[in-house]
Amino acid sequence: MSEEKELKMPEPTGYHILIAIPKLKDNFENSVLVRPENYTKREEMASIVGLVQKLGPLAYKDTEKFPNGPWCKEGDFIMMRSYSGTRFKIATKDGEQEFRLINDDTVEAVVADPRGITRA
């Protein structure tokens, strides 16, 4: 991660988790067909997969709610509900990167390889 990007990265507070949303490719899988820009933006906004960047200091600390420990860790790809959390973008030298702040109990699953996972 670039130093410039790290300086702008917010610190999640409480039980929040900072999630990076993977950028969609400009074309469809195994195709030369180009995705329309409005389709790409809509899919990124409603994405269900993200990369865990940082956990807030209270994330997964409630032992009654999480008796088996954390559901995810930094570096995991996770699934969450469409449109969940607070969505925002950070400008970088490579364009914009979308992020979300979600609650620790919003994580639906951990996935080994997010490629090919899309909303239904």
PDB file of N, CA and C in Angstrom:
ATOM      1  N   MET A   1       0.849  -1.174   0.000  1.00  0.00           N
ATOM      2  CA  MET A   1       0.000   0.000   0.000  1.00  0.00           C
ATOM      3  C   MET A   1       0.891   1.232   0.000  1.00  0.00           C
ATOM      4  N   SER A   2       0.545   2.231  -0.779  1.00  0.00           N
ATOM      5  CA  SER A   2       1.379   3.419  -0.884  1.00  0.00           C
ATOM      6  C   SER A   2       1.299   4.254   0.382  1.00  0.00           C
ATOM      7  N   GLU A   3       2.364   5.005   0.662  1.00  0.00           N
ATOM      8  CA  GLU A   3       2.400   5.864   1.841  1.00  0.00           C
ATOM      9  C   GLU A   3       1.301   6.916   1.761  1.00  0.00           C
ATOM     10  N   GLU A   4       1.078   7.465   0.550  1.00  0.00           N
ATOM     11  CA  GLU A   4       0.032   8.470   0.350  1.00  0.00           C
ATOM     12  C   GLU A   4      -1.326   7.917   0.766  1.00  0.00           C
ATOM     13  N   LYS A   5      -1.624   6.674   0.355  1.00  0.00           N
ATOM     14  CA  LYS A   5      -2.906   6.063   0.656  1.00  0.00           C
ATOM     15  C   LYS A   5      -3.029   5.777   2.150  1.00  0.00           C
ATOM     16  N   GLU A   6      -1.948   5.321   2.794  1.00  0.00           N
ATOM     17  CA  GLU A   6      -1.989   5.024   4.210  1.00  0.00           C
ATOM     18  C   GLU A   6      -2.274   6.273   5.037  1.00  0.00           C
ATOM     19  N   LEU A   7      -1.769   7.433   4.605  1.00  0.00           N
ATOM     20  CA  LEU A   7      -1.993   8.670   5.333  1.00  0.00           C
ATOM     21  C   LEU A   7      -3.465   9.071   5.313  1.00  0.00           C
ATOM     22  N   LYS A   8      -4.180   8.744   4.248  1.00  0.00           N
ATOM     23  CA  LYS A   8      -5.584   9.114   4.105  1.00  0.00           C
ATOM     24  C   LYS A   8      -6.531   8.062   4.678  1.00  0.00           C
ATOM     25  N   MET A   9      -6.028   6.878   4.997  1.00  0.00           N
ATOM     26  CA  MET A   9      -6.859   5.777   5.453  1.00  0.00           C
ATOM     27  C   MET A   9      -7.433   6.075   6.836  1.00  0.00           C
ATOM     28  N   PRO A  10      -8.762   6.052   6.992  1.00  0.00           N
ATOM     29  CA  PRO A  10      -9.344   6.298   8.305  1.00  0.00           C
ATOM     30  C   PRO A  10      -9.104   5.129   9.259  1.00  0.00           C
ATOM     31  N   GLU A  11      -9.067   5.429  10.534  1.00  0.00           N
ATOM     32  CA  GLU A  11      -8.950   4.411  11.573  1.00  0.00           C
ATOM     33  C   GLU A  11     -10.353   4.040  12.029  1.00  0.00           C
ATOM     34  N   PRO A  12     -10.761   2.782  11.890  1.00  0.00           N
ATOM     35  CA  PRO A  12     -12.090   2.408  12.368  1.00  0.00           C
ATOM     36  C   PRO A  12     -12.148   2.504  13.897  1.00  0.00           C
ATOM     37  N   THR A  13     -13.253   2.999  14.408  1.00  0.00           N
ATOM     38  CA  THR A  13     -13.431   3.117  15.848  1.00  0.00           C
ATOM     39  C   THR A  13     -14.374   2.036  16.341  1.00  0.00           C
ATOM     40  N   GLY A  14     -14.341   1.790  17.636  1.00  0.00           N
ATOM     41  CA  GLY A  14     -15.270   0.842  18.247  1.00  0.00           C
ATOM     42  C   GLY A  14     -15.250  -0.517  17.586  1.00  0.00           C
ATOM     43  N   TYR A  15     -16.435  -1.008  17.251  1.00  0.00           N
ATOM     44  CA  TYR A  15     -16.601  -2.350  16.687  1.00  0.00           C
ATOM     45  C   TYR A  15     -16.658  -2.348  15.159  1.00  0.00           C
ATOM     46  N   HIS A  16     -16.190  -1.274  14.525  1.00  0.00           N
ATOM     47  CA  HIS A  16     -16.253  -1.166  13.064  1.00  0.00           C
ATOM     48  C   HIS A  16     -15.057  -1.839  12.398  1.00  0.00           C
ATOM     49  N   ILE A  17     -15.265  -2.220  11.144  1.00  0.00           N
ATOM     50  CA  ILE A  17     -14.231  -2.842  10.315  1.00  0.00           C
ATOM     51  C   ILE A  17     -14.116  -2.036   9.031  1.00  0.00           C
ATOM     52  N   LEU A  18     -12.890  -1.705   8.642  1.00  0.00           N
ATOM     53  CA  LEU A  18     -12.641  -0.991   7.386  1.00  0.00           C
ATOM     54  C   LEU A  18     -12.437  -2.010   6.279  1.00  0.00           C
ATOM     55  N   ILE A  19     -13.253  -1.905   5.235  1.00  0.00           N
ATOM     56  CA  ILE A  19     -13.254  -2.844   4.111  1.00  0.00           C
ATOM     57  C   ILE A  19     -12.929  -2.103   2.818  1.00  0.00           C
ATOM     58  N   ALA A  20     -11.996  -2.645   2.027  1.00  0.00           N
ATOM     59  CA  ALA A  20     -11.714  -2.123   0.687  1.00  0.00           C
ATOM     60  C   ALA A  20     -12.553  -2.924  -0.303  1.00  0.00           C
ATOM     61  N   ILE A  21     -13.180  -2.221  -1.223  1.00  0.00           N
ATOM     62  CA  ILE A  21     -14.004  -2.864  -2.243  1.00  0.00           C
ATOM     63  C   ILE A  21     -13.156  -3.066  -3.489  1.00  0.00           C
ATOM     64  N   PRO A  22     -13.007  -4.311  -3.948  1.00  0.00           N
ATOM     65  CA  PRO A  22     -12.215  -4.547  -5.161  1.00  0.00           C
ATOM     66  C   PRO A  22     -12.810  -3.817  -6.364  1.00  0.00           C
ATOM     67  N   LYS A  23     -11.940  -3.281  -7.204  1.00  0.00           N
ATOM     68  CA  LYS A  23     -12.409  -2.610  -8.417  1.00  0.00           C
ATOM     69  C   LYS A  23     -12.797  -3.651  -9.446  1.00  0.00           C
ATOM     70  N   LEU A  24     -13.856  -3.339 -10.181  1.00  0.00           N
ATOM     71  CA  LEU A  24     -14.280  -4.220 -11.267  1.00  0.00           C
ATOM     72  C   LEU A  24     -13.435  -3.957 -12.498  1.00  0.00           C
ATOM     73  N   LYS A  25     -13.215  -4.993 -13.266  1.00  0.00           N
ATOM     74  CA  LYS A  25     -12.515  -4.832 -14.540  1.00  0.00           C
ATOM     75  C   LYS A  25     -13.428  -4.101 -15.511  1.00  0.00           C
ATOM     76  N   ASP A  26     -12.812  -3.501 -16.521  1.00  0.00           N
ATOM     77  CA  ASP A  26     -13.582  -2.757 -17.521  1.00  0.00           C
ATOM     78  C   ASP A  26     -14.383  -3.654 -18.458  1.00  0.00           C
ATOM     79  N   ASN A  27     -14.011  -4.939 -18.520  1.00  0.00           N
ATOM     80  CA  ASN A  27     -14.757  -5.836 -19.408  1.00  0.00           C
ATOM     81  C   ASN A  27     -15.306  -7.012 -18.608  1.00  0.00           C
ATOM     82  N   PHE A  28     -16.247  -7.720 -19.197  1.00  0.00           N
ATOM     83  CA  PHE A  28     -16.843  -8.875 -18.549  1.00  0.00           C
ATOM     84  C   PHE A  28     -15.852 -10.035 -18.550  1.00  0.00           C
ATOM     85  N   GLU A  29     -16.007 -10.960 -17.613  1.00  0.00           N
ATOM     86  CA  GLU A  29     -15.138 -12.132 -17.482  1.00  0.00           C
ATOM     87  C   GLU A  29     -15.039 -12.890 -18.814  1.00  0.00           C
ATOM     88  N   ASN A  30     -13.832 -13.211 -19.236  1.00  0.00           N
ATOM     89  CA  ASN A  30     -13.570 -13.980 -20.463  1.00  0.00           C
ATOM     90  C   ASN A  30     -14.240 -13.366 -21.696  1.00  0.00           C
ATOM     91  N   SER A  31     -14.258 -12.048 -21.767  1.00  0.00           N
ATOM     92  CA  SER A  31     -14.955 -11.412 -22.873  1.00  0.00           C
ATOM     93  C   SER A  31     -14.260 -10.117 -23.271  1.00  0.00           C
ATOM     94  N   VAL A  32     -14.475  -9.739 -24.503  1.00  0.00           N
ATOM     95  CA  VAL A  32     -13.976  -8.452 -24.973  1.00  0.00           C
ATOM     96  C   VAL A  32     -15.063  -7.383 -24.854  1.00  0.00           C
ATOM     97  N   LEU A  33     -16.257  -7.789 -24.377  1.00  0.00           N
ATOM     98  CA  LEU A  33     -17.340  -6.820 -24.189  1.00  0.00           C
ATOM     99  C   LEU A  33     -16.982  -5.878 -23.041  1.00  0.00           C
ATOM    100  N   VAL A  34     -17.132  -4.603 -23.279  1.00  0.00           N
ATOM    101  CA  VAL A  34     -16.802  -3.587 -22.276  1.00  0.00           C
ATOM    102  C   VAL A  34     -18.023  -3.322 -21.404  1.00  0.00           C
ATOM    103  N   ARG A  35     -17.787  -3.227 -20.085  1.00  0.00           N
ATOM    104  CA  ARG A  35     -18.876  -2.916 -19.155  1.00  0.00           C
ATOM    105  C   ARG A  35     -19.235  -1.435 -19.281  1.00  0.00           C
ATOM    106  N   PRO A  36     -20.505  -1.105 -19.343  1.00  0.00           N
ATOM    107  CA  PRO A  36     -20.895   0.305 -19.321  1.00  0.00           C
ATOM    108  C   PRO A  36     -20.507   0.918 -17.969  1.00  0.00           C
ATOM    109  N   GLU A  37     -20.119   2.177 -17.968  1.00  0.00           N
ATOM    110  CA  GLU A  37     -19.655   2.823 -16.744  1.00  0.00           C
ATOM    111  C   GLU A  37     -20.721   2.823 -15.650  1.00  0.00           C
ATOM    112  N   ASN A  38     -21.992   3.060 -16.008  1.00  0.00           N
ATOM    113  CA  ASN A  38     -23.040   3.075 -14.986  1.00  0.00           C
ATOM    114  C   ASN A  38     -23.246   1.686 -14.379  1.00  0.00           C
ATOM    115  N   TYR A  39     -23.057   0.620 -15.159  1.00  0.00           N
ATOM    116  CA  TYR A  39     -23.149  -0.746 -14.646  1.00  0.00           C
ATOM    117  C   TYR A  39     -22.031  -0.986 -13.636  1.00  0.00           C
ATOM    118  N   THR A  40     -20.822  -0.590 -13.976  1.00  0.00           N
ATOM    119  CA  THR A  40     -19.672  -0.786 -13.096  1.00  0.00           C
ATOM    120  C   THR A  40     -19.870  -0.059 -11.777  1.00  0.00           C
ATOM    121  N   LYS A  41     -20.296   1.190 -11.827  1.00  0.00           N
ATOM    122  CA  LYS A  41     -20.525   1.970 -10.601  1.00  0.00           C
ATOM    123  C   LYS A  41     -21.615   1.339  -9.740  1.00  0.00           C
ATOM    124  N   ARG A  42     -22.699   0.886 -10.360  1.00  0.00           N
ATOM    125  CA  ARG A  42     -23.798   0.259  -9.613  1.00  0.00           C
ATOM    126  C   ARG A  42     -23.323  -1.026  -8.936  1.00  0.00           C
ATOM    127  N   GLU A  43     -22.550  -1.840  -9.661  1.00  0.00           N
ATOM    128  CA  GLU A  43     -22.059  -3.098  -9.088  1.00  0.00           C
ATOM    129  C   GLU A  43     -21.075  -2.848  -7.944  1.00  0.00           C
ATOM    130  N   GLU A  44     -20.206  -1.839  -8.080  1.00  0.00           N
ATOM    131  CA  GLU A  44     -19.272  -1.536  -7.000  1.00  0.00           C
ATOM    132  C   GLU A  44     -20.027  -1.059  -5.758  1.00  0.00           C
ATOM    133  N   MET A  45     -21.053  -0.219  -5.937  1.00  0.00           N
ATOM    134  CA  MET A  45     -21.836   0.277  -4.798  1.00  0.00           C
ATOM    135  C   MET A  45     -22.544  -0.856  -4.074  1.00  0.00           C
ATOM    136  N   ALA A  46     -23.039  -1.826  -4.811  1.00  0.00           N
ATOM    137  CA  ALA A  46     -23.809  -2.911  -4.223  1.00  0.00           C
ATOM    138  C   ALA A  46     -22.970  -4.162  -4.003  1.00  0.00           C
ATOM    139  N   SER A  47     -21.667  -4.034  -4.048  1.00  0.00           N
ATOM    140  CA  SER A  47     -20.803  -5.207  -3.953  1.00  0.00           C
ATOM    141  C   SER A  47     -21.029  -5.964  -2.654  1.00  0.00           C
ATOM    142  N   ILE A  48     -20.780  -7.245  -2.707  1.00  0.00           N
ATOM    143  CA  ILE A  48     -20.967  -8.099  -1.539  1.00  0.00           C
ATOM    144  C   ILE A  48     -19.651  -8.689  -1.050  1.00  0.00           C
ATOM    145  N   VAL A  49     -18.546  -8.372  -1.718  1.00  0.00           N
ATOM    146  CA  VAL A  49     -17.238  -8.896  -1.335  1.00  0.00           C
ATOM    147  C   VAL A  49     -16.298  -7.726  -1.079  1.00  0.00           C
ATOM    148  N   GLY A  50     -15.477  -7.849  -0.039  1.00  0.00           N
ATOM    149  CA  GLY A  50     -14.501  -6.815   0.274  1.00  0.00           C
ATOM    150  C   GLY A  50     -13.292  -7.406   0.966  1.00  0.00           C
ATOM    151  N   LEU A  51     -12.243  -6.612   1.054  1.00  0.00           N
ATOM    152  CA  LEU A  51     -10.988  -7.019   1.689  1.00  0.00           C
ATOM    153  C   LEU A  51     -10.854  -6.288   3.019  1.00  0.00           C
ATOM    154  N   VAL A  52     -10.688  -7.038   4.101  1.00  0.00           N
ATOM    155  CA  VAL A  52     -10.557  -6.441   5.432  1.00  0.00           C
ATOM    156  C   VAL A  52      -9.223  -5.711   5.524  1.00  0.00           C
ATOM    157  N   GLN A  53      -9.308  -4.397   5.782  1.00  0.00           N
ATOM    158  CA  GLN A  53      -8.109  -3.568   5.919  1.00  0.00           C
ATOM    159  C   GLN A  53      -7.699  -3.404   7.375  1.00  0.00           C
ATOM    160  N   LYS A  54      -8.670  -3.016   8.214  1.00  0.00           N
ATOM    161  CA  LYS A  54      -8.378  -2.766   9.629  1.00  0.00           C
ATOM    162  C   LYS A  54      -9.603  -3.098  10.474  1.00  0.00           C
ATOM    163  N   LEU A  55      -9.334  -3.585  11.686  1.00  0.00           N
ATOM    164  CA  LEU A  55     -10.392  -3.835  12.655  1.00  0.00           C
ATOM    165  C   LEU A  55     -10.345  -2.748  13.715  1.00  0.00           C
ATOM    166  N   GLY A  56     -11.507  -2.265  14.124  1.00  0.00           N
ATOM    167  CA  GLY A  56     -11.566  -1.299  15.216  1.00  0.00           C
ATOM    168  C   GLY A  56     -11.155  -1.960  16.523  1.00  0.00           C
ATOM    169  N   PRO A  57     -10.811  -1.173  17.542  1.00  0.00           N
ATOM    170  CA  PRO A  57     -10.301  -1.731  18.793  1.00  0.00           C
ATOM    171  C   PRO A  57     -11.299  -2.604  19.560  1.00  0.00           C
ATOM    172  N   LEU A  58     -12.584  -2.444  19.317  1.00  0.00           N
ATOM    173  CA  LEU A  58     -13.587  -3.254  20.008  1.00  0.00           C
ATOM    174  C   LEU A  58     -14.191  -4.352  19.132  1.00  0.00           C
ATOM    175  N   ALA A  59     -13.737  -4.459  17.893  1.00  0.00           N
ATOM    176  CA  ALA A  59     -14.281  -5.476  16.987  1.00  0.00           C
ATOM    177  C   ALA A  59     -14.040  -6.871  17.562  1.00  0.00           C
ATOM    178  N   TYR A  60     -15.103  -7.637  17.675  1.00  0.00           N
ATOM    179  CA  TYR A  60     -15.092  -9.025  18.149  1.00  0.00           C
ATOM    180  C   TYR A  60     -14.652  -9.179  19.602  1.00  0.00           C
ATOM    181  N   LYS A  61     -14.723  -8.131  20.396  1.00  0.00           N
ATOM    182  CA  LYS A  61     -14.334  -8.217  21.815  1.00  0.00           C
ATOM    183  C   LYS A  61     -15.480  -8.694  22.702  1.00  0.00           C
ATOM    184  N   ASP A  62     -16.722  -8.632  22.210  1.00  0.00           N
ATOM    185  CA  ASP A  62     -17.882  -9.073  22.983  1.00  0.00           C
ATOM    186  C   ASP A  62     -17.924 -10.605  22.978  1.00  0.00           C
ATOM    187  N   THR A  63     -17.497 -11.216  24.084  1.00  0.00           N
ATOM    188  CA  THR A  63     -17.394 -12.684  24.133  1.00  0.00           C
ATOM    189  C   THR A  63     -18.765 -13.370  24.174  1.00  0.00           C
ATOM    190  N   GLU A  64     -19.817 -12.647  24.579  1.00  0.00           N
ATOM    191  CA  GLU A  64     -21.158 -13.247  24.532  1.00  0.00           C
ATOM    192  C   GLU A  64     -21.644 -13.340  23.087  1.00  0.00           C
ATOM    193  N   LYS A  65     -21.355 -12.312  22.316  1.00  0.00           N
ATOM    194  CA  LYS A  65     -21.781 -12.272  20.918  1.00  0.00           C
ATOM    195  C   LYS A  65     -20.875 -13.123  20.026  1.00  0.00           C
ATOM    196  N   PHE A  66     -19.592 -13.172  20.361  1.00  0.00           N
ATOM    197  CA  PHE A  66     -18.597 -13.908  19.560  1.00  0.00           C
ATOM    198  C   PHE A  66     -17.829 -14.890  20.452  1.00  0.00           C
ATOM    199  N   PRO A  67     -18.512 -15.932  20.962  1.00  0.00           N
ATOM    200  CA  PRO A  67     -17.860 -16.862  21.895  1.00  0.00           C
ATOM    201  C   PRO A  67     -16.697 -17.645  21.290  1.00  0.00           C
ATOM    202  N   ASN A  68     -16.683 -17.769  19.965  1.00  0.00           N
ATOM    203  CA  ASN A  68     -15.607 -18.514  19.303  1.00  0.00           C
ATOM    204  C   ASN A  68     -14.533 -17.605  18.731  1.00  0.00           C
ATOM    205  N   GLY A  69     -14.565 -16.325  19.088  1.00  0.00           N
ATOM    206  CA  GLY A  69     -13.557 -15.384  18.612  1.00  0.00           C
ATOM    207  C   GLY A  69     -13.964 -14.678  17.334  1.00  0.00           C
ATOM    208  N   PRO A  70     -13.026 -13.943  16.743  1.00  0.00           N
ATOM    209  CA  PRO A  70     -13.305 -13.134  15.552  1.00  0.00           C
ATOM    210  C   PRO A  70     -13.758 -13.976  14.362  1.00  0.00           C
ATOM    211  N   TRP A  71     -14.652 -13.385  13.573  1.00  0.00           N
ATOM    212  CA  TRP A  71     -15.121 -14.037  12.364  1.00  0.00           C
ATOM    213  C   TRP A  71     -14.173 -13.818  11.198  1.00  0.00           C
ATOM    214  N   CYS A  72     -13.329 -12.777  11.274  1.00  0.00           N
ATOM    215  CA  CYS A  72     -12.386 -12.483  10.195  1.00  0.00           C
ATOM    216  C   CYS A  72     -11.192 -11.732  10.768  1.00  0.00           C
ATOM    217  N   LYS A  73     -10.176 -11.562   9.920  1.00  0.00           N
ATOM    218  CA  LYS A  73      -8.973 -10.825  10.328  1.00  0.00           C
ATOM    219  C   LYS A  73      -8.511  -9.958   9.165  1.00  0.00           C
ATOM    220  N   GLU A  74      -7.569  -9.065   9.430  1.00  0.00           N
ATOM    221  CA  GLU A  74      -7.019  -8.222   8.372  1.00  0.00           C
ATOM    222  C   GLU A  74      -6.436  -9.102   7.272  1.00  0.00           C
ATOM    223  N   GLY A  75      -6.734  -8.742   6.027  1.00  0.00           N
ATOM    224  CA  GLY A  75      -6.258  -9.510   4.878  1.00  0.00           C
ATOM    225  C   GLY A  75      -7.249 -10.537   4.358  1.00  0.00           C
ATOM    226  N   ASP A  76      -8.326 -10.804   5.097  1.00  0.00           N
ATOM    227  CA  ASP A  76      -9.351 -11.752   4.642  1.00  0.00           C
ATOM    228  C   ASP A  76     -10.285 -11.082   3.640  1.00  0.00           C
ATOM    229  N   PHE A  77     -10.745 -11.851   2.656  1.00  0.00           N
ATOM    230  CA  PHE A  77     -11.854 -11.429   1.814  1.00  0.00           C
ATOM    231  C   PHE A  77     -13.120 -11.898   2.510  1.00  0.00           C
ATOM    232  N   ILE A  78     -14.087 -11.011   2.605  1.00  0.00           N
ATOM    233  CA  ILE A  78     -15.328 -11.350   3.290  1.00  0.00           C
ATOM    234  C   ILE A  78     -16.516 -11.046   2.395  1.00  0.00           C
ATOM    235  N   MET A  79     -17.648 -11.681   2.737  1.00  0.00           N
ATOM    236  CA  MET A  79     -18.918 -11.368   2.087  1.00  0.00           C
ATOM    237  C   MET A  79     -19.761 -10.607   3.082  1.00  0.00           C
ATOM    238  N   MET A  80     -20.499  -9.618   2.572  1.00  0.00           N
ATOM    239  CA  MET A  80     -21.391  -8.809   3.388  1.00  0.00           C
ATOM    240  C   MET A  80     -22.639  -8.545   2.568  1.00  0.00           C
ATOM    241  N   ARG A  81     -23.636  -7.973   3.185  1.00  0.00           N
ATOM    242  CA  ARG A  81     -24.867  -7.654   2.454  1.00  0.00           C
ATOM    243  C   ARG A  81     -24.643  -6.456   1.542  1.00  0.00           C
ATOM    244  N   SER A  82     -25.355  -6.445   0.431  1.00  0.00           N
ATOM    245  CA  SER A  82     -25.304  -5.309  -0.492  1.00  0.00           C
ATOM    246  C   SER A  82     -25.664  -4.035   0.242  1.00  0.00           C
ATOM    247  N   TYR A  83     -24.981  -2.985  -0.056  1.00  0.00           N
ATOM    248  CA  TYR A  83     -25.243  -1.653   0.477  1.00  0.00           C
ATOM    249  C   TYR A  83     -25.013  -1.518   1.980  1.00  0.00           C
ATOM    250  N   SER A  84     -24.400  -2.512   2.630  1.00  0.00           N
ATOM    251  CA  SER A  84     -24.194  -2.398   4.071  1.00  0.00           C
ATOM    252  C   SER A  84     -23.054  -1.436   4.386  1.00  0.00           C
ATOM    253  N   GLY A  85     -23.134  -0.849   5.549  1.00  0.00           N
ATOM    254  CA  GLY A  85     -22.068   0.015   6.035  1.00  0.00           C
ATOM    255  C   GLY A  85     -22.080   1.416   5.456  1.00  0.00           C
ATOM    256  N   THR A  86     -21.094   2.180   5.881  1.00  0.00           N
ATOM    257  CA  THR A  86     -20.894   3.541   5.395  1.00  0.00           C
ATOM    258  C   THR A  86     -19.933   3.475   4.224  1.00  0.00           C
ATOM    259  N   ARG A  87     -20.385   3.928   3.050  1.00  0.00           N
ATOM    260  CA  ARG A  87     -19.567   3.856   1.842  1.00  0.00           C
ATOM    261  C   ARG A  87     -18.885   5.190   1.607  1.00  0.00           C
ATOM    262  N   PHE A  88     -17.610   5.126   1.182  1.00  0.00           N
ATOM    263  CA  PHE A  88     -16.885   6.348   0.839  1.00  0.00           C
ATOM    264  C   PHE A  88     -15.748   5.982  -0.102  1.00  0.00           C
ATOM    265  N   LYS A  89     -15.188   6.990  -0.759  1.00  0.00           N
ATOM    266  CA  LYS A  89     -14.070   6.799  -1.683  1.00  0.00           C
ATOM    267  C   LYS A  89     -12.906   7.669  -1.234  1.00  0.00           C
ATOM    268  N   ILE A  90     -11.710   7.186  -1.526  1.00  0.00           N
ATOM    269  CA  ILE A  90     -10.491   7.947  -1.267  1.00  0.00           C
ATOM    270  C   ILE A  90      -9.777   8.103  -2.602  1.00  0.00           C
ATOM    271  N   ALA A  91      -9.417   9.345  -2.928  1.00  0.00           N
ATOM    272  CA  ALA A  91      -8.680   9.612  -4.163  1.00  0.00           C
ATOM    273  C   ALA A  91      -7.231   9.186  -3.971  1.00  0.00           C
ATOM    274  N   THR A  92      -6.711   8.455  -4.948  1.00  0.00           N
ATOM    275  CA  THR A  92      -5.315   8.028  -4.937  1.00  0.00           C
ATOM    276  C   THR A  92      -4.691   8.440  -6.265  1.00  0.00           C
ATOM    277  N   LYS A  93      -3.397   8.247  -6.382  1.00  0.00           N
ATOM    278  CA  LYS A  93      -2.740   8.592  -7.647  1.00  0.00           C
ATOM    279  C   LYS A  93      -3.207   7.695  -8.793  1.00  0.00           C
ATOM    280  N   ASP A  94      -3.802   6.527  -8.467  1.00  0.00           N
ATOM    281  CA  ASP A  94      -4.306   5.600  -9.482  1.00  0.00           C
ATOM    282  C   ASP A  94      -5.802   5.760  -9.730  1.00  0.00           C
ATOM    283  N   GLY A  95      -6.421   6.792  -9.177  1.00  0.00           N
ATOM    284  CA  GLY A  95      -7.857   6.990  -9.322  1.00  0.00           C
ATOM    285  C   GLY A  95      -8.518   6.998  -7.961  1.00  0.00           C
ATOM    286  N   GLU A  96      -9.714   6.458  -7.877  1.00  0.00           N
ATOM    287  CA  GLU A  96     -10.435   6.384  -6.616  1.00  0.00           C
ATOM    288  C   GLU A  96     -10.556   4.951  -6.155  1.00  0.00           C
ATOM    289  N   GLN A  97     -10.553   4.763  -4.846  1.00  0.00           N
ATOM    290  CA  GLN A  97     -10.756   3.444  -4.251  1.00  0.00           C
ATOM    291  C   GLN A  97     -11.955   3.544  -3.323  1.00  0.00           C
ATOM    292  N   GLU A  98     -12.906   2.616  -3.458  1.00  0.00           N
ATOM    293  CA  GLU A  98     -14.080   2.615  -2.590  1.00  0.00           C
ATOM    294  C   GLU A  98     -13.803   1.791  -1.346  1.00  0.00           C
ATOM    295  N   PHE A  99     -14.320   2.268  -0.211  1.00  0.00           N
ATOM    296  CA  PHE A  99     -14.202   1.587   1.069  1.00  0.00           C
ATOM    297  C   PHE A  99     -15.560   1.571   1.741  1.00  0.00           C
ATOM    298  N   ARG A 100     -15.678   0.737   2.761  1.00  0.00           N
ATOM    299  CA  ARG A 100     -16.857   0.727   3.619  1.00  0.00           C
ATOM    300  C   ARG A 100     -16.409   0.531   5.065  1.00  0.00           C
ATOM    301  N   LEU A 101     -17.142   1.139   5.958  1.00  0.00           N
ATOM    302  CA  LEU A 101     -17.021   0.850   7.380  1.00  0.00           C
ATOM    303  C   LEU A 101     -18.253   0.042   7.745  1.00  0.00           C
ATOM    304  N   ILE A 102     -18.045  -1.198   8.190  1.00  0.00           N
ATOM    305  CA  ILE A 102     -19.168  -2.069   8.539  1.00  0.00           C
ATOM    306  C   ILE A 102     -19.036  -2.481  10.003  1.00  0.00           C
ATOM    307  N   ASN A 103     -20.129  -2.949  10.575  1.00  0.00           N
ATOM    308  CA  ASN A 103     -20.112  -3.482  11.930  1.00  0.00           C
ATOM    309  C   ASN A 103     -19.509  -4.880  11.924  1.00  0.00           C
ATOM    310  N   ASP A 104     -18.899  -5.269  13.037  1.00  0.00           N
ATOM    311  CA  ASP A 104     -18.261  -6.581  13.102  1.00  0.00           C
ATOM    312  C   ASP A 104     -19.241  -7.726  12.859  1.00  0.00           C
ATOM    313  N   ASP A 105     -20.510  -7.572  13.248  1.00  0.00           N
ATOM    314  CA  ASP A 105     -21.475  -8.645  13.041  1.00  0.00           C
ATOM    315  C   ASP A 105     -22.119  -8.628  11.654  1.00  0.00           C
ATOM    316  N   THR A 106     -21.638  -7.740  10.775  1.00  0.00           N
ATOM    317  CA  THR A 106     -22.147  -7.660   9.406  1.00  0.00           C
ATOM    318  C   THR A 106     -21.455  -8.661   8.486  1.00  0.00           C
ATOM    319  N   VAL A 107     -20.340  -9.218   8.912  1.00  0.00           N
ATOM    320  CA  VAL A 107     -19.613 -10.189   8.095  1.00  0.00           C
ATOM    321  C   VAL A 107     -20.463 -11.443   7.963  1.00  0.00           C
ATOM    322  N   GLU A 108     -20.745 -11.834   6.720  1.00  0.00           N
ATOM    323  CA  GLU A 108     -21.591 -12.996   6.451  1.00  0.00           C
ATOM    324  C   GLU A 108     -20.764 -14.270   6.230  1.00  0.00           C
ATOM    325  N   ALA A 109     -19.560 -14.112   5.638  1.00  0.00           N
ATOM    326  CA  ALA A 109     -18.704 -15.266   5.358  1.00  0.00           C
ATOM    327  C   ALA A 109     -17.300 -14.780   5.028  1.00  0.00           C
ATOM    328  N   VAL A 110     -16.332 -15.672   5.197  1.00  0.00           N
ATOM    329  CA  VAL A 110     -14.963 -15.432   4.741  1.00  0.00           C
ATOM    330  C   VAL A 110     -14.785 -16.288   3.500  1.00  0.00           C
ATOM    331  N   VAL A 111     -14.211 -15.709   2.441  1.00  0.00           N
ATOM    332  CA  VAL A 111     -14.021 -16.447   1.195  1.00  0.00           C
ATOM    333  C   VAL A 111     -12.537 -16.494   0.837  1.00  0.00           C
ATOM    334  N   ALA A 112     -12.101 -17.640   0.360  1.00  0.00           N
ATOM    335  CA  ALA A 112     -10.691 -17.810  -0.006  1.00  0.00           C
ATOM    336  C   ALA A 112     -10.348 -17.067  -1.282  1.00  0.00           C
ATOM    337  N   ASP A 113     -11.256 -17.104  -2.259  1.00  0.00           N
ATOM    338  CA  ASP A 113     -10.983 -16.475  -3.554  1.00  0.00           C
ATOM    339  C   ASP A 113     -12.253 -15.758  -4.010  1.00  0.00           C
ATOM    340  N   PRO A 114     -12.229 -14.420  -4.021  1.00  0.00           N
ATOM    341  CA  PRO A 114     -13.439 -13.675  -4.362  1.00  0.00           C
ATOM    342  C   PRO A 114     -13.766 -13.625  -5.849  1.00  0.00           C
ATOM    343  N   ARG A 115     -12.840 -14.061  -6.694  1.00  0.00           N
ATOM    344  CA  ARG A 115     -13.093 -13.994  -8.143  1.00  0.00           C
ATOM    345  C   ARG A 115     -14.295 -14.851  -8.505  1.00  0.00           C
ATOM    346  N   GLY A 116     -15.158 -14.300  -9.282  1.00  0.00           N
ATOM    347  CA  GLY A 116     -16.324 -15.042  -9.750  1.00  0.00           C
ATOM    348  C   GLY A 116     -17.545 -14.904  -8.844  1.00  0.00           C
ATOM    349  N   ILE A 117     -17.387 -14.288  -7.680  1.00  0.00           N
ATOM    350  CA  ILE A 117     -18.544 -14.094  -6.800  1.00  0.00           C
ATOM    351  C   ILE A 117     -19.226 -12.793  -7.199  1.00  0.00           C
ATOM    352  N   THR A 118     -20.506 -12.882  -7.514  1.00  0.00           N
ATOM    353  CA  THR A 118     -21.283 -11.698  -7.885  1.00  0.00           C
ATOM    354  C   THR A 118     -22.630 -11.746  -7.181  1.00  0.00           C
ATOM    355  N   ARG A 119     -23.310 -10.615  -7.193  1.00  0.00           N
ATOM    356  CA  ARG A 119     -24.652 -10.568  -6.623  1.00  0.00           C
ATOM    357  C   ARG A 119     -25.617 -11.320  -7.524  1.00  0.00           C
ATOM    358  N   ALA A 120     -26.652 -11.858  -6.916  1.00  0.00           N
ATOM    359  CA  ALA A 120     -27.675 -12.568  -7.692  1.00  0.00           C
ATOM    360  C   ALA A 120     -28.726 -11.590  -8.150  1.00  0.00           C
TER     361      ALA A 120
END
